Every structure is written in structure tokens, then in C-alpha cells.
N, C-alpha and C. Protein backbone atom coordinates (compact mmCIF):
# COMPACT_ATOMS: atom_id res chain seq x y z
N MET A 1 -53.14 29.69 -9.20
CA MET A 1 -54.54 29.98 -9.05
C MET A 1 -54.68 31.46 -8.69
N THR A 2 -55.59 32.13 -9.41
CA THR A 2 -55.83 33.55 -9.17
C THR A 2 -57.33 33.81 -9.13
N ASP A 3 -57.79 34.51 -8.11
CA ASP A 3 -59.19 34.90 -8.02
C ASP A 3 -59.33 36.33 -8.52
N LEU A 4 -60.27 36.53 -9.46
CA LEU A 4 -60.52 37.85 -10.03
C LEU A 4 -61.94 38.28 -9.73
N TYR A 5 -62.09 39.53 -9.34
CA TYR A 5 -63.40 40.14 -9.16
C TYR A 5 -63.60 41.05 -10.35
N LEU A 6 -64.64 40.79 -11.13
CA LEU A 6 -64.82 41.50 -12.39
C LEU A 6 -66.11 42.32 -12.38
N LYS A 7 -66.03 43.47 -13.06
CA LYS A 7 -67.21 44.33 -13.21
C LYS A 7 -67.36 44.65 -14.69
N PHE A 8 -68.53 44.31 -15.23
CA PHE A 8 -68.85 44.57 -16.63
C PHE A 8 -69.96 45.61 -16.69
N THR A 9 -70.16 46.19 -17.86
CA THR A 9 -71.23 47.16 -18.03
C THR A 9 -72.59 46.52 -17.79
N ASP A 10 -72.77 45.32 -18.37
CA ASP A 10 -74.04 44.61 -18.24
C ASP A 10 -73.82 43.12 -18.47
N GLU A 11 -74.89 42.35 -18.36
CA GLU A 11 -74.80 40.90 -18.53
C GLU A 11 -74.33 40.51 -19.93
N ALA A 12 -74.77 41.25 -20.94
CA ALA A 12 -74.38 40.94 -22.32
C ALA A 12 -72.87 41.06 -22.52
N GLU A 13 -72.26 42.09 -21.94
CA GLU A 13 -70.81 42.24 -22.06
C GLU A 13 -70.10 41.10 -21.34
N ALA A 14 -70.57 40.73 -20.16
CA ALA A 14 -69.96 39.63 -19.41
C ALA A 14 -70.05 38.33 -20.20
N THR A 15 -71.19 38.07 -20.79
CA THR A 15 -71.39 36.85 -21.58
C THR A 15 -70.44 36.82 -22.77
N ALA A 16 -70.28 37.96 -23.44
CA ALA A 16 -69.41 38.02 -24.61
C ALA A 16 -67.95 37.74 -24.25
N VAL A 17 -67.53 38.14 -23.06
CA VAL A 17 -66.14 37.95 -22.63
C VAL A 17 -65.91 36.57 -22.01
N LEU A 18 -66.86 36.08 -21.24
CA LEU A 18 -66.66 34.87 -20.44
C LEU A 18 -67.11 33.58 -21.12
N TYR A 19 -67.82 33.69 -22.24
CA TYR A 19 -68.33 32.51 -22.92
C TYR A 19 -67.98 32.55 -24.40
N THR A 20 -67.80 31.37 -24.99
CA THR A 20 -67.61 31.25 -26.43
C THR A 20 -68.84 30.55 -27.00
N GLN A 21 -69.07 30.73 -28.28
CA GLN A 21 -70.19 30.06 -28.94
C GLN A 21 -69.65 28.84 -29.67
N GLU A 22 -69.99 27.66 -29.20
CA GLU A 22 -69.53 26.41 -29.78
C GLU A 22 -70.58 25.87 -30.74
N PRO A 23 -70.18 25.45 -31.94
CA PRO A 23 -71.14 24.87 -32.88
C PRO A 23 -71.74 23.57 -32.33
N THR A 24 -73.05 23.41 -32.55
CA THR A 24 -73.72 22.19 -32.10
C THR A 24 -74.49 21.50 -33.22
N ALA A 25 -74.69 22.18 -34.35
CA ALA A 25 -75.41 21.56 -35.48
C ALA A 25 -74.92 22.17 -36.79
N TRP A 26 -74.93 21.34 -37.84
CA TRP A 26 -74.47 21.75 -39.16
C TRP A 26 -75.48 21.30 -40.21
N ASP A 27 -75.52 22.02 -41.35
CA ASP A 27 -76.37 21.59 -42.46
C ASP A 27 -75.57 20.67 -43.40
N GLU A 28 -76.19 20.25 -44.51
CA GLU A 28 -75.53 19.32 -45.42
C GLU A 28 -74.25 19.86 -46.04
N GLU A 29 -74.14 21.19 -46.17
CA GLU A 29 -72.93 21.79 -46.74
C GLU A 29 -71.84 22.03 -45.69
N GLY A 30 -72.12 21.70 -44.46
CA GLY A 30 -71.13 21.89 -43.40
C GLY A 30 -71.20 23.25 -42.72
N ASN A 31 -72.23 24.04 -43.01
CA ASN A 31 -72.40 25.35 -42.36
C ASN A 31 -73.02 25.17 -40.99
N VAL A 32 -72.52 25.94 -40.04
CA VAL A 32 -73.05 25.88 -38.67
C VAL A 32 -74.47 26.44 -38.66
N THR A 33 -75.40 25.70 -38.09
CA THR A 33 -76.80 26.15 -38.01
C THR A 33 -77.25 26.43 -36.58
N ALA A 34 -76.47 26.00 -35.59
CA ALA A 34 -76.81 26.26 -34.19
C ALA A 34 -75.54 26.29 -33.35
N THR A 35 -75.55 27.13 -32.32
CA THR A 35 -74.43 27.21 -31.39
C THR A 35 -74.94 27.15 -29.96
N GLU A 36 -74.02 26.91 -29.07
CA GLU A 36 -74.33 26.82 -27.64
C GLU A 36 -73.23 27.52 -26.88
N PRO A 37 -73.58 28.36 -25.87
CA PRO A 37 -72.52 29.02 -25.11
C PRO A 37 -71.75 28.02 -24.24
N ARG A 38 -70.44 28.19 -24.20
CA ARG A 38 -69.56 27.37 -23.35
C ARG A 38 -68.65 28.31 -22.56
N GLN A 39 -68.42 27.97 -21.32
CA GLN A 39 -67.54 28.79 -20.48
C GLN A 39 -66.14 28.82 -21.05
N ALA A 40 -65.57 30.02 -21.12
CA ALA A 40 -64.18 30.17 -21.56
C ALA A 40 -63.21 29.96 -20.40
N TYR A 41 -63.73 29.95 -19.18
CA TYR A 41 -62.92 29.75 -17.97
C TYR A 41 -63.61 28.68 -17.14
N ALA A 42 -62.83 27.85 -16.46
CA ALA A 42 -63.39 26.71 -15.73
C ALA A 42 -64.26 27.12 -14.55
N ASN A 43 -63.92 28.21 -13.89
CA ASN A 43 -64.62 28.59 -12.66
C ASN A 43 -65.19 30.00 -12.77
N ILE A 44 -66.49 30.09 -12.99
CA ILE A 44 -67.19 31.37 -13.12
C ILE A 44 -68.32 31.40 -12.09
N SER A 45 -68.37 32.46 -11.31
CA SER A 45 -69.43 32.64 -10.32
C SER A 45 -70.10 33.98 -10.60
N THR A 46 -71.29 33.93 -11.20
CA THR A 46 -72.00 35.16 -11.56
C THR A 46 -72.74 35.70 -10.35
N ILE A 47 -72.50 36.96 -10.04
CA ILE A 47 -73.18 37.64 -8.95
C ILE A 47 -74.30 38.50 -9.51
N GLY A 48 -74.04 39.18 -10.61
CA GLY A 48 -75.05 40.05 -11.22
C GLY A 48 -74.99 41.43 -10.61
N VAL A 49 -76.16 41.99 -10.33
CA VAL A 49 -76.25 43.33 -9.75
C VAL A 49 -76.01 43.24 -8.25
N ILE A 50 -75.20 44.15 -7.74
CA ILE A 50 -74.94 44.23 -6.30
C ILE A 50 -75.72 45.42 -5.75
N TYR A 51 -76.35 45.21 -4.60
CA TYR A 51 -77.12 46.27 -3.96
C TYR A 51 -76.43 46.71 -2.68
N LYS A 52 -76.45 48.01 -2.46
CA LYS A 52 -75.93 48.59 -1.21
C LYS A 52 -77.00 49.53 -0.68
N ASP A 53 -77.43 49.30 0.54
CA ASP A 53 -78.51 50.10 1.13
C ASP A 53 -79.73 50.13 0.22
N GLU A 54 -80.07 48.98 -0.33
CA GLU A 54 -81.22 48.77 -1.20
C GLU A 54 -81.14 49.52 -2.53
N GLN A 55 -79.97 50.06 -2.86
CA GLN A 55 -79.76 50.75 -4.13
C GLN A 55 -78.81 49.92 -5.00
N PRO A 56 -79.15 49.72 -6.27
CA PRO A 56 -78.25 48.94 -7.14
C PRO A 56 -76.99 49.72 -7.48
N LEU A 57 -75.85 49.03 -7.41
CA LEU A 57 -74.60 49.64 -7.84
C LEU A 57 -74.44 49.42 -9.34
N ASP A 58 -73.64 50.25 -9.98
CA ASP A 58 -73.41 50.12 -11.42
C ASP A 58 -72.74 48.80 -11.74
N GLY A 59 -73.08 48.24 -12.89
CA GLY A 59 -72.36 47.10 -13.43
C GLY A 59 -72.97 45.75 -13.15
N TRP A 60 -72.37 44.76 -13.82
CA TRP A 60 -72.72 43.35 -13.69
C TRP A 60 -71.47 42.65 -13.17
N HIS A 61 -71.57 41.99 -12.03
CA HIS A 61 -70.41 41.50 -11.31
C HIS A 61 -70.27 39.98 -11.41
N VAL A 62 -69.03 39.55 -11.65
CA VAL A 62 -68.73 38.13 -11.81
C VAL A 62 -67.37 37.85 -11.17
N ASN A 63 -67.27 36.74 -10.45
CA ASN A 63 -65.99 36.29 -9.93
C ASN A 63 -65.48 35.16 -10.82
N VAL A 64 -64.19 35.16 -11.09
CA VAL A 64 -63.58 34.10 -11.89
C VAL A 64 -62.35 33.61 -11.16
N ARG A 65 -62.25 32.29 -11.00
CA ARG A 65 -61.03 31.69 -10.46
C ARG A 65 -60.27 31.11 -11.64
N VAL A 66 -59.08 31.65 -11.89
CA VAL A 66 -58.26 31.25 -13.02
C VAL A 66 -57.23 30.23 -12.54
N VAL A 67 -57.25 29.07 -13.17
CA VAL A 67 -56.30 28.00 -12.83
C VAL A 67 -55.66 27.54 -14.13
N GLY A 68 -54.55 28.15 -14.48
CA GLY A 68 -53.84 27.75 -15.69
C GLY A 68 -54.32 28.41 -16.97
N GLU A 69 -55.48 29.06 -16.96
CA GLU A 69 -55.97 29.73 -18.16
C GLU A 69 -55.30 31.08 -18.33
N ASP A 70 -55.30 31.59 -19.55
CA ASP A 70 -54.78 32.92 -19.83
C ASP A 70 -55.87 33.94 -19.49
N ALA A 71 -55.63 34.78 -18.50
CA ALA A 71 -56.63 35.74 -18.04
C ALA A 71 -56.39 37.15 -18.58
N THR A 72 -55.56 37.29 -19.58
CA THR A 72 -55.23 38.61 -20.14
C THR A 72 -56.50 39.37 -20.55
N ALA A 73 -57.46 38.69 -21.15
CA ALA A 73 -58.68 39.34 -21.63
C ALA A 73 -59.55 39.87 -20.49
N LEU A 74 -59.28 39.45 -19.26
CA LEU A 74 -60.09 39.87 -18.11
C LEU A 74 -59.51 41.06 -17.37
N GLU A 75 -58.25 41.40 -17.63
CA GLU A 75 -57.56 42.43 -16.85
C GLU A 75 -58.28 43.77 -16.84
N SER A 76 -58.85 44.17 -17.96
CA SER A 76 -59.50 45.49 -18.02
C SER A 76 -60.83 45.53 -17.25
N PHE A 77 -61.35 44.38 -16.83
CA PHE A 77 -62.61 44.32 -16.09
C PHE A 77 -62.39 44.10 -14.59
N ALA A 78 -61.15 43.87 -14.19
CA ALA A 78 -60.84 43.55 -12.79
C ALA A 78 -61.04 44.76 -11.88
N VAL A 79 -61.63 44.50 -10.73
CA VAL A 79 -61.79 45.52 -9.69
C VAL A 79 -61.28 44.94 -8.38
N THR A 80 -61.04 45.80 -7.42
CA THR A 80 -60.59 45.36 -6.10
C THR A 80 -61.62 45.81 -5.07
N PRO A 81 -62.55 44.93 -4.73
CA PRO A 81 -63.58 45.32 -3.77
C PRO A 81 -63.02 45.43 -2.36
N THR A 82 -63.55 46.37 -1.60
CA THR A 82 -63.15 46.53 -0.20
C THR A 82 -63.62 45.32 0.60
N LEU A 83 -64.86 44.92 0.36
CA LEU A 83 -65.43 43.75 1.02
C LEU A 83 -66.19 42.95 -0.03
N PRO A 84 -65.60 41.88 -0.54
CA PRO A 84 -66.27 41.10 -1.60
C PRO A 84 -67.62 40.57 -1.14
N VAL A 85 -68.58 40.59 -2.05
CA VAL A 85 -69.92 40.06 -1.77
C VAL A 85 -69.87 38.54 -1.67
N ARG A 86 -69.02 37.92 -2.49
CA ARG A 86 -68.88 36.46 -2.50
C ARG A 86 -67.41 36.12 -2.75
N ILE A 87 -66.92 35.11 -2.05
CA ILE A 87 -65.55 34.65 -2.27
C ILE A 87 -65.59 33.14 -2.52
N TRP A 88 -64.51 32.62 -3.07
CA TRP A 88 -64.41 31.17 -3.30
C TRP A 88 -64.15 30.47 -1.98
N GLY A 89 -64.77 29.33 -1.79
CA GLY A 89 -64.62 28.56 -0.55
C GLY A 89 -63.38 27.72 -0.52
């Protein structure tokens, strides 16, 4: 089990990395007509924007607890906070 503190540019980047688009509907030819986002990791805790002294800090922040999943795709987003805003219980 590994806890990762991640910082993305924005919510859209976080969504693209942390979620996959799963097909939910198809037409008569078998083409996908609708998708739904699904978590790519079992444990995701979205924090969003962090404020310090009422000023927003850069980035979109998410904590991920990795249990058996391959976290290679998350390494470039990992940060080491001095004092985490939220931790796993």
C-alpha cells in the first residue's frame, strides 16, 4: 500500500489521468454511443484547490492510495507536502 499526494495543472488533467472512459451504450453496428468515467485506481480522494492564507495555491490536488495497482503513470504528478491537507484514516 502506497499513499501518493498528487498535483495536476487542473481538474481536466487529473480526470484524464485518474479516470478511464468505459462504454455504456452501443448502436446497432456495435459502435460506442455513450461512455461513463470510471476510476482507474480504487482509492481516490479529490482535494481540488488548496488555499493558504486565503490565497489559492497552483494546481489541482488529489490523494491516491495505491493497493496493488501500477502507479507508474502517477509518478510525474507526485509531490511531497510538508503538511498534508488530508491524509488517509
